[in-house]
Amino acid sequence: MVAVLIILAYLIGSIPTAVWIGKAFYNIDVREFGSGNAGATNTFRVLGQKAGIPVLIIDILKGSLAVLLASLSPYVFESDEFVNLQLSLGIAALVGHIFPVFAGFRGGKGVATILGIVMCILPLSCSVALLIFLIVLFASRMVSLSSMMAGAAFPFILHFIFGNTNPILTTFSIVVALLLIVTHRKNIIRIVNKQESKIKFVSKKISV
């Protein structure tokens, strides 16, 4: 039963939202443009908000839906076995997003999918990490830097603010932090060389 759920979670994560939407509505493979990643950020960059917003939402939902599959298991809700299964399902979905079987194993970096996973398992810790993401984003206008900073802060938030004592959750938080840094290694080089793309905040002028 557990093995079936993990495979299903991987397949859910493997849905290449950015690739399918780009090809279906724009006749464009987003992996051939911008950063070359099949994720929400690159979709915003290459195709704009109309494509980027649904990709972002669906990629978040992929992580959440995979975690919710744990409710189909025989484990007692919120027991250690249940939480561990949630983490396993989330990781399976994340692997699917980064290495999607439906798109030649060339996917995205998994930031949105991680958000969906953590929202379901650790909503309070996720909220604090999201706040850090937004603060860094408004200060730097770099999504990559904001994602890495929020991810790096996540283990500390979980341990020092919420007093987590579950070693599996601690390991998961550290893996998330390291994974975000590894998948953003090219962005790190561009940041150091001051070549990283920055988003523009649209402001409307109010006429009186």
N, C-alpha and C. Protein backbone atom coordinates (compact mmCIF):
# COMPACT_ATOMS: atom_id res chain seq x y z
N MET A 1 0.83 -1.21 0.00
CA MET A 1 0.00 0.00 0.00
C MET A 1 0.86 1.26 0.00
N VAL A 2 1.86 1.30 0.90
CA VAL A 2 2.74 2.46 1.00
C VAL A 2 3.51 2.66 -0.30
N ALA A 3 4.01 1.56 -0.86
CA ALA A 3 4.79 1.65 -2.10
C ALA A 3 3.93 2.22 -3.23
N VAL A 4 2.68 1.81 -3.28
CA VAL A 4 1.76 2.31 -4.32
C VAL A 4 1.55 3.81 -4.15
N LEU A 5 1.38 4.26 -2.91
CA LEU A 5 1.16 5.68 -2.64
C LEU A 5 2.39 6.50 -3.03
N ILE A 6 3.56 5.98 -2.75
CA ILE A 6 4.80 6.70 -3.09
C ILE A 6 4.96 6.82 -4.60
N ILE A 7 4.67 5.75 -5.31
CA ILE A 7 4.73 5.80 -6.78
C ILE A 7 3.72 6.81 -7.31
N LEU A 8 2.51 6.81 -6.75
CA LEU A 8 1.48 7.75 -7.17
C LEU A 8 1.91 9.19 -6.89
N ALA A 9 2.54 9.41 -5.74
CA ALA A 9 3.04 10.75 -5.40
C ALA A 9 4.09 11.20 -6.39
N TYR A 10 4.98 10.29 -6.78
CA TYR A 10 6.01 10.62 -7.77
C TYR A 10 5.37 11.01 -9.11
N LEU A 11 4.36 10.26 -9.51
CA LEU A 11 3.68 10.55 -10.78
C LEU A 11 2.96 11.90 -10.73
N ILE A 12 2.38 12.22 -9.57
CA ILE A 12 1.73 13.53 -9.42
C ILE A 12 2.77 14.64 -9.55
N GLY A 13 3.90 14.45 -8.88
CA GLY A 13 4.97 15.44 -8.97
C GLY A 13 5.54 15.56 -10.37
N SER A 14 5.46 14.48 -11.13
CA SER A 14 6.03 14.46 -12.48
C SER A 14 5.20 15.20 -13.51
N ILE A 15 4.00 15.63 -13.14
CA ILE A 15 3.19 16.39 -14.10
C ILE A 15 3.93 17.68 -14.45
N PRO A 16 4.43 17.81 -15.69
CA PRO A 16 5.26 18.96 -16.06
C PRO A 16 4.40 20.16 -16.46
N THR A 17 3.84 20.80 -15.47
CA THR A 17 2.88 21.87 -15.69
C THR A 17 3.40 22.93 -16.65
N ALA A 18 4.60 23.43 -16.39
CA ALA A 18 5.17 24.50 -17.22
C ALA A 18 5.36 24.04 -18.67
N VAL A 19 5.83 22.81 -18.85
CA VAL A 19 6.08 22.29 -20.20
C VAL A 19 4.77 22.12 -20.95
N TRP A 20 3.78 21.50 -20.31
CA TRP A 20 2.52 21.24 -21.00
C TRP A 20 1.77 22.52 -21.32
N ILE A 21 1.71 23.45 -20.38
CA ILE A 21 1.01 24.71 -20.64
C ILE A 21 1.74 25.51 -21.72
N GLY A 22 3.06 25.54 -21.66
CA GLY A 22 3.84 26.26 -22.66
C GLY A 22 3.63 25.70 -24.06
N LYS A 23 3.64 24.38 -24.18
CA LYS A 23 3.49 23.76 -25.49
C LYS A 23 2.04 23.85 -25.99
N ALA A 24 1.08 23.66 -25.09
CA ALA A 24 -0.33 23.63 -25.49
C ALA A 24 -0.86 25.00 -25.91
N PHE A 25 -0.47 26.06 -25.19
CA PHE A 25 -1.05 27.37 -25.43
C PHE A 25 -0.12 28.36 -26.13
N TYR A 26 1.20 28.08 -26.11
CA TYR A 26 2.15 29.03 -26.69
C TYR A 26 3.08 28.38 -27.71
N ASN A 27 2.97 27.06 -27.86
CA ASN A 27 3.86 26.31 -28.75
C ASN A 27 5.33 26.56 -28.40
N ILE A 28 5.60 26.66 -27.09
CA ILE A 28 6.94 26.94 -26.60
C ILE A 28 7.28 25.97 -25.47
N ASP A 29 8.49 25.44 -25.52
CA ASP A 29 9.02 24.64 -24.41
C ASP A 29 9.85 25.59 -23.56
N VAL A 30 9.36 25.91 -22.37
CA VAL A 30 10.03 26.91 -21.53
C VAL A 30 11.46 26.50 -21.17
N ARG A 31 11.77 25.22 -21.29
CA ARG A 31 13.11 24.74 -20.96
C ARG A 31 14.16 25.17 -21.97
N GLU A 32 13.69 25.67 -23.11
CA GLU A 32 14.59 26.14 -24.15
C GLU A 32 14.86 27.64 -24.05
N PHE A 33 14.29 28.28 -23.05
CA PHE A 33 14.43 29.74 -22.91
C PHE A 33 14.71 30.08 -21.44
N GLY A 34 15.11 31.32 -21.22
CA GLY A 34 15.34 31.80 -19.86
C GLY A 34 16.38 30.97 -19.13
N SER A 35 16.02 30.52 -17.93
CA SER A 35 16.95 29.73 -17.11
C SER A 35 17.01 28.27 -17.55
N GLY A 36 16.07 27.87 -18.41
CA GLY A 36 16.04 26.49 -18.88
C GLY A 36 15.32 25.52 -17.96
N ASN A 37 14.67 26.07 -16.91
CA ASN A 37 13.97 25.22 -15.95
C ASN A 37 12.46 25.20 -16.22
N ALA A 38 11.85 24.05 -15.94
CA ALA A 38 10.41 23.91 -16.13
C ALA A 38 9.69 24.21 -14.82
N GLY A 39 9.83 25.43 -14.36
CA GLY A 39 9.19 25.84 -13.12
C GLY A 39 8.42 27.13 -13.28
N ALA A 40 7.79 27.55 -12.21
CA ALA A 40 6.93 28.73 -12.25
C ALA A 40 7.71 30.01 -12.54
N THR A 41 8.88 30.17 -11.91
CA THR A 41 9.66 31.40 -12.10
C THR A 41 10.05 31.59 -13.55
N ASN A 42 10.55 30.52 -14.17
CA ASN A 42 10.95 30.63 -15.58
C ASN A 42 9.74 30.81 -16.49
N THR A 43 8.60 30.24 -16.09
CA THR A 43 7.38 30.43 -16.87
C THR A 43 6.94 31.89 -16.84
N PHE A 44 7.01 32.51 -15.67
CA PHE A 44 6.72 33.94 -15.57
C PHE A 44 7.66 34.73 -16.47
N ARG A 45 8.94 34.35 -16.44
CA ARG A 45 9.95 35.07 -17.20
C ARG A 45 9.73 34.93 -18.71
N VAL A 46 9.41 33.73 -19.15
CA VAL A 46 9.32 33.45 -20.58
C VAL A 46 7.93 33.74 -21.15
N LEU A 47 6.88 33.34 -20.43
CA LEU A 47 5.53 33.41 -20.98
C LEU A 47 4.64 34.46 -20.31
N GLY A 48 5.05 34.99 -19.17
CA GLY A 48 4.25 36.02 -18.52
C GLY A 48 3.30 35.49 -17.46
N GLN A 49 2.52 36.40 -16.89
CA GLN A 49 1.65 36.08 -15.77
C GLN A 49 0.53 35.10 -16.12
N LYS A 50 -0.04 35.22 -17.30
CA LYS A 50 -1.17 34.36 -17.66
C LYS A 50 -0.79 32.88 -17.64
N ALA A 51 0.44 32.59 -17.96
CA ALA A 51 0.92 31.21 -17.89
C ALA A 51 1.57 30.93 -16.54
N GLY A 52 2.26 31.91 -15.99
CA GLY A 52 3.01 31.71 -14.76
C GLY A 52 2.14 31.44 -13.55
N ILE A 53 1.02 32.15 -13.44
CA ILE A 53 0.16 31.99 -12.26
C ILE A 53 -0.43 30.58 -12.17
N PRO A 54 -1.04 30.06 -13.25
CA PRO A 54 -1.55 28.68 -13.13
C PRO A 54 -0.46 27.64 -12.90
N VAL A 55 0.72 27.85 -13.50
CA VAL A 55 1.83 26.92 -13.26
C VAL A 55 2.22 26.94 -11.79
N LEU A 56 2.32 28.13 -11.21
CA LEU A 56 2.66 28.26 -9.79
C LEU A 56 1.64 27.56 -8.91
N ILE A 57 0.37 27.80 -9.16
CA ILE A 57 -0.69 27.22 -8.34
C ILE A 57 -0.70 25.69 -8.45
N ILE A 58 -0.59 25.18 -9.66
CA ILE A 58 -0.64 23.73 -9.86
C ILE A 58 0.59 23.06 -9.26
N ASP A 59 1.76 23.70 -9.40
CA ASP A 59 2.97 23.11 -8.83
C ASP A 59 2.91 23.06 -7.31
N ILE A 60 2.29 24.07 -6.69
CA ILE A 60 2.08 24.03 -5.24
C ILE A 60 1.12 22.90 -4.88
N LEU A 61 0.03 22.80 -5.65
CA LEU A 61 -0.97 21.78 -5.38
C LEU A 61 -0.42 20.37 -5.55
N LYS A 62 0.54 20.20 -6.45
CA LYS A 62 1.15 18.87 -6.62
C LYS A 62 1.77 18.38 -5.32
N GLY A 63 2.50 19.28 -4.65
CA GLY A 63 3.11 18.91 -3.38
C GLY A 63 2.08 18.61 -2.31
N SER A 64 1.04 19.46 -2.25
CA SER A 64 0.00 19.27 -1.23
C SER A 64 -0.79 18.00 -1.47
N LEU A 65 -1.16 17.76 -2.72
CA LEU A 65 -1.94 16.56 -3.05
C LEU A 65 -1.17 15.29 -2.73
N ALA A 66 0.12 15.30 -3.03
CA ALA A 66 0.94 14.12 -2.73
C ALA A 66 0.95 13.83 -1.23
N VAL A 67 1.10 14.87 -0.42
CA VAL A 67 1.10 14.69 1.04
C VAL A 67 -0.25 14.18 1.53
N LEU A 68 -1.32 14.69 0.94
CA LEU A 68 -2.66 14.29 1.36
C LEU A 68 -2.97 12.83 1.06
N LEU A 69 -2.17 12.21 0.20
CA LEU A 69 -2.36 10.78 -0.08
C LEU A 69 -2.16 9.94 1.18
N ALA A 70 -1.47 10.50 2.16
CA ALA A 70 -1.23 9.77 3.42
C ALA A 70 -2.54 9.40 4.11
N SER A 71 -3.58 10.18 3.84
CA SER A 71 -4.88 9.90 4.46
C SER A 71 -5.48 8.58 3.97
N LEU A 72 -4.95 8.05 2.87
CA LEU A 72 -5.43 6.77 2.34
C LEU A 72 -4.73 5.58 3.00
N SER A 73 -3.74 5.86 3.83
CA SER A 73 -2.98 4.80 4.48
C SER A 73 -3.70 4.34 5.76
N PRO A 74 -3.30 3.21 6.31
CA PRO A 74 -3.93 2.72 7.55
C PRO A 74 -3.36 3.38 8.81
N TYR A 75 -2.40 4.29 8.67
CA TYR A 75 -1.76 4.89 9.83
C TYR A 75 -2.67 5.89 10.53
N VAL A 76 -2.52 6.00 11.83
CA VAL A 76 -3.31 6.93 12.64
C VAL A 76 -2.86 8.35 12.35
N PHE A 77 -3.83 9.24 12.16
CA PHE A 77 -3.54 10.64 11.83
C PHE A 77 -2.62 11.28 12.88
N GLU A 78 -1.55 11.95 12.40
CA GLU A 78 -0.57 12.67 13.22
C GLU A 78 0.33 11.75 14.07
N SER A 79 0.24 10.45 13.86
CA SER A 79 1.19 9.55 14.52
C SER A 79 2.54 9.71 13.81
N ASP A 80 3.61 9.20 14.43
CA ASP A 80 4.93 9.29 13.81
C ASP A 80 4.94 8.60 12.46
N GLU A 81 4.25 7.46 12.37
CA GLU A 81 4.20 6.73 11.10
C GLU A 81 3.50 7.55 10.02
N PHE A 82 2.44 8.25 10.43
CA PHE A 82 1.67 9.06 9.48
C PHE A 82 2.52 10.22 8.97
N VAL A 83 3.20 10.93 9.90
CA VAL A 83 4.04 12.06 9.52
C VAL A 83 5.20 11.60 8.63
N ASN A 84 5.81 10.49 8.97
CA ASN A 84 6.91 9.97 8.16
C ASN A 84 6.44 9.61 6.75
N LEU A 85 5.23 9.08 6.66
CA LEU A 85 4.68 8.77 5.34
C LEU A 85 4.42 10.06 4.56
N GLN A 86 3.89 11.08 5.24
CA GLN A 86 3.68 12.37 4.58
C GLN A 86 4.99 12.89 3.99
N LEU A 87 6.06 12.80 4.77
CA LEU A 87 7.36 13.26 4.30
C LEU A 87 7.84 12.44 3.11
N SER A 88 7.65 11.14 3.17
CA SER A 88 8.06 10.26 2.07
C SER A 88 7.30 10.59 0.80
N LEU A 89 6.01 10.82 0.93
CA LEU A 89 5.18 11.17 -0.22
C LEU A 89 5.58 12.53 -0.79
N GLY A 90 5.87 13.48 0.11
CA GLY A 90 6.29 14.80 -0.34
C GLY A 90 7.61 14.73 -1.09
N ILE A 91 8.55 13.97 -0.56
CA ILE A 91 9.85 13.82 -1.22
C ILE A 91 9.69 13.15 -2.59
N ALA A 92 8.80 12.16 -2.66
CA ALA A 92 8.55 11.48 -3.93
C ALA A 92 8.00 12.45 -4.97
N ALA A 93 7.09 13.32 -4.54
CA ALA A 93 6.53 14.33 -5.45
C ALA A 93 7.60 15.32 -5.88
N LEU A 94 8.47 15.70 -4.95
CA LEU A 94 9.55 16.64 -5.26
C LEU A 94 10.51 16.05 -6.28
N VAL A 95 10.87 14.78 -6.08
CA VAL A 95 11.74 14.10 -7.04
C VAL A 95 11.06 14.06 -8.41
N GLY A 96 9.75 13.82 -8.39
CA GLY A 96 9.00 13.80 -9.64
C GLY A 96 9.03 15.14 -10.35
N HIS A 97 8.93 16.23 -9.59
CA HIS A 97 8.94 17.56 -10.19
C HIS A 97 10.31 17.88 -10.79
N ILE A 98 11.37 17.51 -10.09
CA ILE A 98 12.72 17.79 -10.58
C ILE A 98 13.12 16.85 -11.72
N PHE A 99 12.68 15.58 -11.60
CA PHE A 99 13.00 14.58 -12.64
C PHE A 99 11.69 13.94 -13.13
N PRO A 100 10.89 14.67 -13.90
CA PRO A 100 9.57 14.17 -14.32
C PRO A 100 9.64 13.11 -15.41
N VAL A 101 9.03 11.99 -15.15
CA VAL A 101 9.02 10.90 -16.13
C VAL A 101 8.25 11.30 -17.38
N PHE A 102 7.32 12.26 -17.27
CA PHE A 102 6.50 12.67 -18.41
C PHE A 102 7.17 13.74 -19.27
N ALA A 103 8.37 14.18 -18.88
CA ALA A 103 9.04 15.24 -19.64
C ALA A 103 10.54 14.98 -19.74
N GLY A 104 10.90 13.74 -19.98
CA GLY A 104 12.30 13.41 -20.20
C GLY A 104 13.20 13.66 -19.01
N PHE A 105 12.63 13.64 -17.80
CA PHE A 105 13.38 13.83 -16.56
C PHE A 105 14.08 15.19 -16.48
N ARG A 106 13.53 16.18 -17.20
CA ARG A 106 14.04 17.56 -17.15
C ARG A 106 12.94 18.46 -16.59
N GLY A 107 13.00 18.70 -15.30
CA GLY A 107 11.94 19.47 -14.66
C GLY A 107 12.41 20.79 -14.08
N GLY A 108 11.75 21.21 -13.01
CA GLY A 108 12.06 22.48 -12.37
C GLY A 108 12.90 22.29 -11.12
N LYS A 109 13.01 23.35 -10.34
CA LYS A 109 13.84 23.32 -9.14
C LYS A 109 13.06 22.90 -7.90
N GLY A 110 11.74 22.90 -7.99
CA GLY A 110 10.93 22.35 -6.91
C GLY A 110 10.52 23.30 -5.81
N VAL A 111 10.76 24.61 -5.99
CA VAL A 111 10.43 25.56 -4.92
C VAL A 111 8.93 25.56 -4.62
N ALA A 112 8.10 25.68 -5.66
CA ALA A 112 6.65 25.73 -5.47
C ALA A 112 6.14 24.41 -4.89
N THR A 113 6.68 23.30 -5.36
CA THR A 113 6.25 22.00 -4.87
C THR A 113 6.65 21.81 -3.41
N ILE A 114 7.84 22.28 -3.03
CA ILE A 114 8.26 22.24 -1.63
C ILE A 114 7.29 23.05 -0.77
N LEU A 115 6.89 24.20 -1.29
CA LEU A 115 5.94 25.04 -0.56
C LEU A 115 4.64 24.28 -0.30
N GLY A 116 4.14 23.58 -1.31
CA GLY A 116 2.91 22.80 -1.15
C GLY A 116 3.07 21.69 -0.13
N ILE A 117 4.24 21.06 -0.12
CA ILE A 117 4.51 19.98 0.83
C ILE A 117 4.53 20.51 2.27
N VAL A 118 5.32 21.56 2.47
CA VAL A 118 5.50 22.10 3.82
C VAL A 118 4.23 22.74 4.35
N MET A 119 3.44 23.33 3.47
CA MET A 119 2.17 23.93 3.88
C MET A 119 1.27 22.91 4.55
N CYS A 120 1.29 21.68 4.05
CA CYS A 120 0.43 20.63 4.61
C CYS A 120 0.99 20.02 5.89
N ILE A 121 2.31 19.85 5.93
CA ILE A 121 2.92 19.15 7.07
C ILE A 121 3.26 20.10 8.21
N LEU A 122 3.82 21.26 7.88
CA LEU A 122 4.28 22.23 8.89
C LEU A 122 3.81 23.64 8.53
N PRO A 123 2.51 23.89 8.63
CA PRO A 123 1.96 25.17 8.17
C PRO A 123 2.53 26.39 8.89
N LEU A 124 2.77 26.29 10.21
CA LEU A 124 3.29 27.45 10.95
C LEU A 124 4.73 27.76 10.56
N SER A 125 5.57 26.75 10.49
CA SER A 125 6.95 26.95 10.06
C SER A 125 7.00 27.47 8.63
N CYS A 126 6.10 26.96 7.81
CA CYS A 126 6.02 27.41 6.42
C CYS A 126 5.68 28.89 6.34
N SER A 127 4.78 29.34 7.21
CA SER A 127 4.36 30.75 7.20
C SER A 127 5.53 31.68 7.53
N VAL A 128 6.35 31.28 8.51
CA VAL A 128 7.51 32.10 8.87
C VAL A 128 8.53 32.11 7.74
N ALA A 129 8.78 30.95 7.14
CA ALA A 129 9.71 30.87 6.01
C ALA A 129 9.22 31.69 4.83
N LEU A 130 7.90 31.67 4.61
CA LEU A 130 7.32 32.46 3.52
C LEU A 130 7.49 33.95 3.78
N LEU A 131 7.39 34.35 5.03
CA LEU A 131 7.60 35.75 5.39
C LEU A 131 9.04 36.17 5.08
N ILE A 132 10.00 35.30 5.40
CA ILE A 132 11.40 35.57 5.08
C ILE A 132 11.59 35.67 3.57
N PHE A 133 10.94 34.78 2.83
CA PHE A 133 11.00 34.81 1.37
C PHE A 133 10.54 36.17 0.84
N LEU A 134 9.42 36.66 1.35
CA LEU A 134 8.85 37.92 0.87
C LEU A 134 9.75 39.11 1.23
N ILE A 135 10.31 39.09 2.43
CA ILE A 135 11.19 40.19 2.86
C ILE A 135 12.41 40.26 1.95
N VAL A 136 13.04 39.10 1.70
CA VAL A 136 14.22 39.08 0.84
C VAL A 136 13.85 39.43 -0.59
N LEU A 137 12.68 38.98 -1.03
CA LEU A 137 12.25 39.27 -2.39
C LEU A 137 12.07 40.77 -2.61
N PHE A 138 11.40 41.44 -1.68
CA PHE A 138 11.19 42.87 -1.83
C PHE A 138 12.50 43.65 -1.69
N ALA A 139 13.45 43.10 -0.93
CA ALA A 139 14.73 43.78 -0.76
C ALA A 139 15.67 43.57 -1.95
N SER A 140 15.64 42.36 -2.51
CA SER A 140 16.60 42.01 -3.57
C SER A 140 15.98 41.93 -4.97
N ARG A 141 14.67 41.65 -5.01
CA ARG A 141 13.94 41.43 -6.26
C ARG A 141 14.46 40.19 -7.00
N MET A 142 15.10 39.26 -6.27
CA MET A 142 15.58 38.02 -6.86
C MET A 142 14.86 36.83 -6.24
N VAL A 143 14.09 36.12 -7.05
CA VAL A 143 13.33 34.96 -6.57
C VAL A 143 14.28 33.87 -6.09
N SER A 144 15.37 33.66 -6.82
CA SER A 144 16.32 32.60 -6.47
C SER A 144 16.92 32.84 -5.09
N LEU A 145 17.39 34.05 -4.84
CA LEU A 145 17.99 34.37 -3.54
C LEU A 145 16.96 34.24 -2.43
N SER A 146 15.74 34.70 -2.69
CA SER A 146 14.67 34.62 -1.70
C SER A 146 14.35 33.18 -1.35
N SER A 147 14.31 32.32 -2.36
CA SER A 147 14.03 30.89 -2.14
C SER A 147 15.12 30.24 -1.30
N MET A 148 16.37 30.54 -1.63
CA MET A 148 17.49 29.95 -0.88
C MET A 148 17.53 30.43 0.56
N MET A 149 17.27 31.70 0.77
CA MET A 149 17.29 32.25 2.13
C MET A 149 16.18 31.66 2.98
N ALA A 150 14.98 31.54 2.40
CA ALA A 150 13.86 30.96 3.13
C ALA A 150 14.13 29.49 3.43
N GLY A 151 14.70 28.78 2.45
CA GLY A 151 15.03 27.37 2.65
C GLY A 151 16.10 27.18 3.70
N ALA A 152 17.14 28.02 3.68
CA ALA A 152 18.22 27.92 4.66
C ALA A 152 17.72 28.22 6.07
N ALA A 153 16.73 29.10 6.16
CA ALA A 153 16.18 29.46 7.48
C ALA A 153 15.23 28.40 8.02
N PHE A 154 14.70 27.57 7.15
CA PHE A 154 13.66 26.62 7.53
C PHE A 154 14.06 25.69 8.69
N PRO A 155 15.24 25.05 8.66
CA PRO A 155 15.61 24.18 9.80
C PRO A 155 15.69 24.94 11.11
N PHE A 156 16.18 26.17 11.08
CA PHE A 156 16.30 26.98 12.29
C PHE A 156 14.93 27.39 12.82
N ILE A 157 14.03 27.72 11.89
CA ILE A 157 12.65 28.06 12.28
C ILE A 157 11.99 26.88 12.98
N LEU A 158 12.16 25.71 12.38
CA LEU A 158 11.54 24.50 12.91
C LEU A 158 12.08 24.15 14.29
N HIS A 159 13.38 24.31 14.47
CA HIS A 159 14.01 23.88 15.73
C HIS A 159 13.91 24.95 16.82
N PHE A 160 14.31 26.18 16.49
CA PHE A 160 14.43 27.20 17.52
C PHE A 160 13.13 27.94 17.82
N ILE A 161 12.27 28.09 16.83
CA ILE A 161 11.00 28.80 17.06
C ILE A 161 9.90 27.85 17.51
N PHE A 162 9.82 26.68 16.87
CA PHE A 162 8.72 25.77 17.16
C PHE A 162 9.15 24.54 17.96
N GLY A 163 10.43 24.47 18.32
CA GLY A 163 10.91 23.43 19.22
C GLY A 163 10.72 22.01 18.73
N ASN A 164 10.91 21.78 17.44
CA ASN A 164 10.75 20.44 16.90
C ASN A 164 11.74 19.46 17.53
N THR A 165 11.27 18.26 17.87
CA THR A 165 12.13 17.21 18.44
C THR A 165 12.11 15.94 17.60
N ASN A 166 11.36 15.97 16.50
CA ASN A 166 11.27 14.81 15.61
C ASN A 166 12.49 14.79 14.69
N PRO A 167 13.38 13.81 14.83
CA PRO A 167 14.61 13.78 14.01
C PRO A 167 14.32 13.65 12.52
N ILE A 168 13.20 13.01 12.17
CA ILE A 168 12.84 12.86 10.75
C ILE A 168 12.49 14.21 10.15
N LEU A 169 11.73 15.02 10.90
CA LEU A 169 11.38 16.36 10.43
C LEU A 169 12.62 17.24 10.34
N THR A 170 13.51 17.09 11.31
CA THR A 170 14.76 17.86 11.28
C THR A 170 15.58 17.52 10.04
N THR A 171 15.70 16.22 9.76
CA THR A 171 16.43 15.76 8.57
C THR A 171 15.77 16.30 7.31
N PHE A 172 14.44 16.23 7.27
CA PHE A 172 13.71 16.72 6.11
C PHE A 172 13.99 18.21 5.88
N SER A 173 13.96 19.00 6.95
CA SER A 173 14.16 20.44 6.82
C SER A 173 15.56 20.75 6.30
N ILE A 174 16.56 19.98 6.76
CA ILE A 174 17.93 20.18 6.30
C ILE A 174 18.08 19.77 4.83
N VAL A 175 17.44 18.66 4.47
CA VAL A 175 17.47 18.21 3.07
C VAL A 175 16.84 19.25 2.16
N VAL A 176 15.72 19.83 2.58
CA VAL A 176 15.06 20.88 1.80
C VAL A 176 15.99 22.06 1.59
N ALA A 177 16.66 22.49 2.68
CA ALA A 177 17.58 23.62 2.59
C ALA A 177 18.73 23.33 1.62
N LEU A 178 19.33 22.15 1.75
CA LEU A 178 20.45 21.79 0.89
C LEU A 178 20.01 21.62 -0.56
N LEU A 179 18.83 21.04 -0.75
CA LEU A 179 18.32 20.81 -2.10
C LEU A 179 18.09 22.14 -2.83
N LEU A 180 17.55 23.12 -2.11
CA LEU A 180 17.30 24.42 -2.73
C LEU A 180 18.62 25.09 -3.14
N ILE A 181 19.65 24.91 -2.33
CA ILE A 181 20.95 25.49 -2.68
C ILE A 181 21.57 24.76 -3.86
N VAL A 182 21.50 23.43 -3.86
CA VAL A 182 22.08 22.65 -4.95
C VAL A 182 21.39 22.95 -6.28
N THR A 183 20.06 23.00 -6.27
CA THR A 183 19.33 23.24 -7.52
C THR A 183 19.46 24.68 -8.00
N HIS A 184 19.94 25.57 -7.12
CA HIS A 184 20.14 26.97 -7.51
C HIS A 184 21.61 27.32 -7.69
N ARG A 185 22.46 26.31 -7.88
CA ARG A 185 23.90 26.57 -7.96
C ARG A 185 24.26 27.51 -9.12
N LYS A 186 23.56 27.39 -10.25
CA LYS A 186 23.82 28.29 -11.36
C LYS A 186 23.38 29.71 -11.02
N ASN A 187 22.29 29.81 -10.27
CA ASN A 187 21.83 31.14 -9.84
C ASN A 187 22.84 31.79 -8.91
N ILE A 188 23.46 30.96 -8.05
CA ILE A 188 24.46 31.49 -7.12
C ILE A 188 25.62 32.12 -7.89
N ILE A 189 26.04 31.45 -8.96
CA ILE A 189 27.13 31.99 -9.79
C ILE A 189 26.72 33.32 -10.41
N ARG A 190 25.46 33.36 -10.91
CA ARG A 190 24.98 34.61 -11.52
C ARG A 190 24.85 35.72 -10.49
N ILE A 191 24.44 35.36 -9.27
CA ILE A 191 24.32 36.37 -8.20
C ILE A 191 25.69 36.94 -7.87
N VAL A 192 26.68 36.06 -7.74
CA VAL A 192 28.06 36.51 -7.44
C VAL A 192 28.57 37.42 -8.55
N ASN A 193 28.24 37.08 -9.80
CA ASN A 193 28.70 37.88 -10.94
C ASN A 193 27.77 39.06 -11.26
N LYS A 194 26.76 39.24 -10.40
CA LYS A 194 25.78 40.32 -10.56
C LYS A 194 25.07 40.25 -11.91
N GLN A 195 24.72 39.02 -12.30
CA GLN A 195 24.04 38.80 -13.57
C GLN A 195 22.66 38.16 -13.39
N GLU A 196 22.24 37.98 -12.15
CA GLU A 196 20.97 37.31 -11.89
C GLU A 196 19.79 38.22 -12.27
N SER A 197 18.77 37.62 -12.88
CA SER A 197 17.58 38.37 -13.28
C SER A 197 16.82 38.85 -12.05
N LYS A 198 16.24 40.03 -12.17
CA LYS A 198 15.43 40.59 -11.09
C LYS A 198 14.02 40.83 -11.60
N ILE A 199 13.06 40.61 -10.71
CA ILE A 199 11.68 40.85 -11.11
C ILE A 199 11.35 42.33 -10.94
N LYS A 200 10.34 42.76 -11.67
CA LYS A 200 9.91 44.15 -11.59
C LYS A 200 8.57 44.20 -10.88
N PHE A 201 8.48 45.05 -9.87
CA PHE A 201 7.21 45.24 -9.18
C PHE A 201 6.44 46.33 -9.91
N VAL A 202 5.26 45.97 -10.39
CA VAL A 202 4.45 46.90 -11.17
C VAL A 202 3.75 47.86 -10.23
N SER A 203 3.91 49.12 -10.48
CA SER A 203 3.23 50.15 -9.67
C SER A 203 2.36 51.00 -10.56
N LYS A 204 1.16 51.28 -10.10
CA LYS A 204 0.22 52.07 -10.86
C LYS A 204 0.21 53.51 -10.34
N LYS A 205 0.26 54.43 -11.26
CA LYS A 205 0.21 55.83 -10.87
C LYS A 205 -1.23 56.26 -10.64
N ILE A 206 -1.43 56.95 -9.56
CA ILE A 206 -2.79 57.40 -9.23
C ILE A 206 -2.91 58.87 -9.59
N SER A 207 -3.80 59.17 -10.47
CA SER A 207 -4.00 60.57 -10.87
C SER A 207 -5.14 61.17 -10.06
N VAL A 208 -4.93 62.39 -9.62
CA VAL A 208 -5.91 63.06 -8.80
C VAL A 208 -6.59 64.16 -9.62
